[in-house]
Amino acid sequence: MSAMQLGHAFSSGWVEVIAGPMFSGKSEELIRRVTRAVIAKQRVQVFKHAIDDRYAKLAVASHAGRTLEAELVSGSTELLARLEPDTQVVAIDEAQFLDAGVVSAVQRLADGGTRVIVAGLDLDFRGEPFGPMPELIARAEVVEKLTAICRCGLAATRTQRLIRGKPAHYDDPTVLVGAAESYEPRCRACHVILRGARETPLFEVAAGEVVG
């Protein structure tokens, strides 16, 4: 269902969630939807967590190189505090980094008539539900789940974390901001997580890289 069709379908606001693994085009799709809203002369605010500074500190950036000006926030409370009264569309990129309060914040915005576009990883590097994304998906009017391309050529639904070219250990910290040097998309069969005794001490595996 397109955004225009959504506008006719819901008299109040609504929530759209774009989910999938890294390199599946989530940020690209969020940028596309926001761009169309701007062309339609709607008042838009874009947010992302301050932790995500991979490509541009004050912009949402896709792996393809497209950027969109964004406001940095440290959590859902700050996001709500930054909202302008005339904002019609709120976009949130990398929502998996936000606290659980983002769910009620998004609900409040939609109930008040705002269109909310959320993009984020639905699964962490272990292949487990990531942060507030599962509940956001459950409460959204529309969910688009994207896939990337695995190294084997099949559709990738998971994100493989690599430390020095090797699969990450299950006990590694959940949040490690990175791009192609640390992650690649994998299908279910190719996704690997090391378990059992760790061969390399944690501080050596992720020294200087772990952010949370």
Protein backbone atom coordinates (compact mmCIF):
# COMPACT_ATOMS: atom_id res chain seq x y z
CA MET A 1 0.00 0.00 0.00
CA SER A 2 1.45 3.38 -1.00
CA ALA A 3 1.71 6.37 1.33
CA MET A 4 -1.04 8.10 -0.67
CA GLN A 5 -3.32 5.09 -0.26
CA LEU A 6 -2.48 5.02 3.45
CA GLY A 7 -3.54 8.64 3.74
CA HIS A 8 -6.97 7.72 2.41
CA ALA A 9 -7.17 4.54 4.49
CA PHE A 10 -6.48 6.12 7.90
CA SER A 11 -8.19 9.26 9.18
CA SER A 12 -5.60 9.70 11.94
CA GLY A 13 -1.87 9.15 11.77
CA TRP A 14 -0.21 5.83 11.10
CA VAL A 15 3.08 3.96 11.49
CA GLU A 16 5.18 2.50 8.70
CA VAL A 17 8.11 0.22 9.57
CA ILE A 18 10.92 -0.64 7.17
CA ALA A 19 12.88 -3.60 8.50
CA GLY A 20 15.57 -5.99 7.35
CA PRO A 21 19.29 -6.78 7.63
CA MET A 22 22.14 -4.42 6.85
CA PHE A 23 22.65 -3.56 3.18
CA SER A 24 19.00 -4.26 2.35
CA GLY A 25 18.19 -0.64 1.50
CA LYS A 26 16.25 0.40 4.62
CA SER A 27 17.74 3.89 4.86
CA GLU A 28 17.45 4.28 1.08
CA GLU A 29 13.74 3.51 1.30
CA LEU A 30 13.27 5.87 4.25
CA ILE A 31 15.01 8.63 2.28
CA ARG A 32 12.76 7.93 -0.73
CA ARG A 33 9.59 8.21 1.34
CA VAL A 34 10.74 11.38 3.12
CA THR A 35 11.76 12.96 -0.19
CA ARG A 36 8.26 12.37 -1.57
CA ALA A 37 6.73 13.92 1.54
CA VAL A 38 8.95 17.00 1.12
CA ILE A 39 7.95 17.28 -2.55
CA ALA A 40 4.33 17.16 -1.36
CA LYS A 41 5.19 20.20 0.81
CA GLN A 42 4.64 18.38 4.08
CA ARG A 43 6.50 19.43 7.20
CA VAL A 44 9.00 16.66 7.96
CA GLN A 45 11.43 15.99 10.79
CA VAL A 46 14.03 13.22 10.56
CA PHE A 47 15.79 11.71 13.57
CA LYS A 48 18.53 9.18 14.18
CA HIS A 49 20.37 8.00 17.28
CA ALA A 50 23.53 9.97 18.03
CA ILE A 51 25.47 6.70 18.25
CA ASP A 52 25.26 6.19 14.48
CA ASP A 53 28.04 8.30 12.94
CA ARG A 54 29.25 5.89 10.25
CA TYR A 55 28.73 8.16 7.24
CA ALA A 56 27.45 11.54 8.39
CA LYS A 57 26.88 12.84 11.90
CA LEU A 58 23.99 15.12 10.97
CA ALA A 59 22.36 13.03 8.27
CA VAL A 60 20.69 9.75 7.54
CA ALA A 61 22.96 8.05 5.02
CA SER A 62 22.36 4.98 2.91
CA HIS A 63 25.12 2.54 1.97
CA ALA A 64 24.55 3.72 -1.60
CA GLY A 65 25.67 7.21 -0.62
CA ARG A 66 22.36 9.11 -0.47
CA THR A 67 21.96 11.43 2.50
CA LEU A 68 19.15 13.26 4.24
CA GLU A 69 19.53 15.91 6.92
CA ALA A 70 18.64 14.54 10.35
CA GLU A 71 18.56 15.54 14.00
CA LEU A 72 20.63 13.51 16.45
CA VAL A 73 18.90 12.26 19.59
CA SER A 74 20.02 10.10 22.48
CA GLY A 75 16.59 8.63 23.23
CA SER A 76 12.83 8.82 22.86
CA THR A 77 12.39 11.61 25.43
CA GLU A 78 14.74 13.90 23.52
CA LEU A 79 13.03 13.00 20.25
CA LEU A 80 9.65 14.13 21.57
CA ALA A 81 11.20 17.29 23.01
CA ARG A 82 12.62 18.20 19.58
CA LEU A 83 9.29 17.93 17.76
CA GLU A 84 7.89 21.06 16.16
CA PRO A 85 4.13 21.64 16.55
CA ASP A 86 3.49 21.76 12.80
CA THR A 87 5.36 18.55 11.91
CA GLN A 88 3.26 16.19 9.78
CA VAL A 89 5.77 13.42 9.09
CA VAL A 90 8.34 12.01 11.52
CA ALA A 91 11.05 9.67 10.22
CA ILE A 92 13.31 7.64 12.52
CA ASP A 93 16.33 5.80 11.15
CA GLU A 94 18.19 2.96 12.91
CA ALA A 95 15.39 2.71 15.47
CA GLN A 96 16.91 -0.45 16.99
CA PHE A 97 19.37 1.80 18.86
CA LEU A 98 16.63 3.73 20.65
CA ASP A 99 15.23 2.89 24.08
CA ALA A 100 11.95 1.04 24.63
CA GLY A 101 10.17 4.36 25.14
CA VAL A 102 10.25 4.96 21.40
CA VAL A 103 7.30 2.57 21.07
CA SER A 104 4.99 4.73 23.18
CA ALA A 105 6.43 7.87 21.53
CA VAL A 106 5.59 6.54 18.07
CA GLN A 107 2.11 5.50 19.27
CA ARG A 108 1.52 8.97 20.69
CA LEU A 109 2.57 10.63 17.44
CA ALA A 110 0.38 8.40 15.28
CA ASP A 111 -2.60 8.84 17.62
CA GLY A 112 -2.14 12.59 17.24
CA GLY A 113 -2.38 12.44 13.45
CA THR A 114 1.30 12.18 12.51
CA ARG A 115 2.64 9.84 9.86
CA VAL A 116 5.62 8.02 11.38
CA ILE A 117 8.21 6.24 9.23
CA VAL A 118 10.58 3.95 11.13
CA ALA A 119 13.56 2.07 9.70
CA GLY A 120 15.77 -0.38 11.56
CA LEU A 121 17.32 -3.79 11.94
CA ASP A 122 14.71 -6.31 13.04
CA LEU A 123 17.39 -8.83 14.10
CA ASP A 124 20.74 -8.30 15.82
CA PHE A 125 23.96 -10.02 14.73
CA ARG A 126 22.90 -13.16 16.62
CA GLY A 127 19.69 -13.38 14.62
CA GLU A 128 17.56 -12.38 17.61
CA PRO A 129 14.94 -9.57 17.85
CA PHE A 130 16.69 -6.22 18.15
CA GLY A 131 15.66 -3.61 20.73
CA PRO A 132 12.23 -2.00 20.26
CA MET A 133 11.88 -3.14 16.63
CA PRO A 134 9.68 -6.22 17.29
CA GLU A 135 7.05 -4.18 19.13
CA LEU A 136 7.20 -1.39 16.58
CA ILE A 137 6.57 -3.95 13.84
CA ALA A 138 3.65 -5.42 15.79
CA ARG A 139 2.00 -2.03 16.29
CA ALA A 140 2.58 -0.61 12.79
CA GLU A 141 -0.18 -0.28 10.21
CA VAL A 142 2.24 -1.22 7.43
CA VAL A 143 5.49 -3.21 7.55
CA GLU A 144 7.92 -3.66 4.68
CA LYS A 145 10.58 -6.28 5.31
CA LEU A 146 13.50 -5.96 2.92
CA THR A 147 16.18 -8.49 2.06
CA ALA A 148 19.76 -8.13 0.86
CA ILE A 149 21.88 -10.55 -1.19
CA CYS A 150 23.85 -13.24 0.61
CA ARG A 151 27.30 -14.27 -0.59
CA CYS A 152 25.69 -17.49 -1.86
CA GLY A 153 23.27 -15.52 -4.01
CA LEU A 154 20.14 -16.20 -1.96
CA ALA A 155 18.02 -13.62 -0.17
CA ALA A 156 19.75 -12.43 3.01
CA THR A 157 17.56 -11.87 6.06
CA ARG A 158 20.31 -11.72 8.68
CA THR A 159 23.37 -9.60 9.43
CA GLN A 160 26.68 -11.39 9.85
CA ARG A 161 29.13 -9.66 12.17
CA LEU A 162 32.78 -10.25 11.36
CA ILE A 163 35.74 -9.55 13.66
CA ARG A 164 38.98 -9.60 11.69
CA GLY A 165 37.21 -11.58 9.00
CA LYS A 166 35.86 -14.24 11.37
CA PRO A 167 32.30 -14.71 12.72
CA ALA A 168 31.55 -12.90 15.97
CA HIS A 169 31.03 -14.74 19.24
CA TYR A 170 27.53 -15.00 20.72
CA ASP A 171 28.63 -13.22 23.91
CA ASP A 172 29.99 -10.15 22.10
CA PRO A 173 28.25 -6.82 22.85
CA THR A 174 25.04 -6.31 20.89
CA VAL A 175 25.91 -2.86 19.54
CA LEU A 176 28.95 -2.39 17.34
CA VAL A 177 28.60 0.45 14.86
CA GLY A 178 30.21 -0.43 11.57
CA ALA A 179 29.68 -1.02 7.88
CA ALA A 180 31.20 -3.36 5.29
CA GLU A 181 34.37 -3.80 7.35
CA SER A 182 32.38 -5.43 10.17
CA TYR A 183 29.18 -6.75 8.63
CA GLU A 184 27.75 -8.51 5.63
CA PRO A 185 24.28 -9.80 4.78
CA ARG A 186 23.68 -13.55 5.08
CA CYS A 187 20.84 -16.00 4.48
CA ARG A 188 19.75 -18.34 7.26
CA ALA A 189 22.06 -21.15 6.07
CA CYS A 190 25.18 -18.97 5.76
CA HIS A 191 24.70 -17.03 9.00
CA VAL A 192 27.27 -18.15 11.60
CA ILE A 193 27.56 -17.33 15.31
CA LEU A 194 30.35 -18.80 17.43
CA ARG A 195 29.36 -20.32 20.76
CA GLY A 196 31.19 -22.10 23.55
CA ALA A 197 34.61 -21.06 24.86
CA ARG A 198 35.96 -17.84 23.37
CA GLU A 199 39.32 -18.21 21.66
CA THR A 200 40.23 -14.52 21.92
CA PRO A 201 39.59 -12.30 24.97
CA LEU A 202 36.70 -9.88 24.45
CA PHE A 203 38.82 -6.76 24.87
CA GLU A 204 41.09 -7.96 22.07
CA VAL A 205 38.26 -8.97 19.75
CA ALA A 206 36.52 -5.62 19.82
CA ALA A 207 39.11 -3.19 21.14
CA GLY A 208 38.34 0.35 20.08
CA GLU A 209 35.19 -0.69 18.22
CA VAL A 210 32.47 -1.49 20.71
CA VAL A 211 30.20 1.45 21.38
CA GLY A 212 27.55 -0.10 23.57
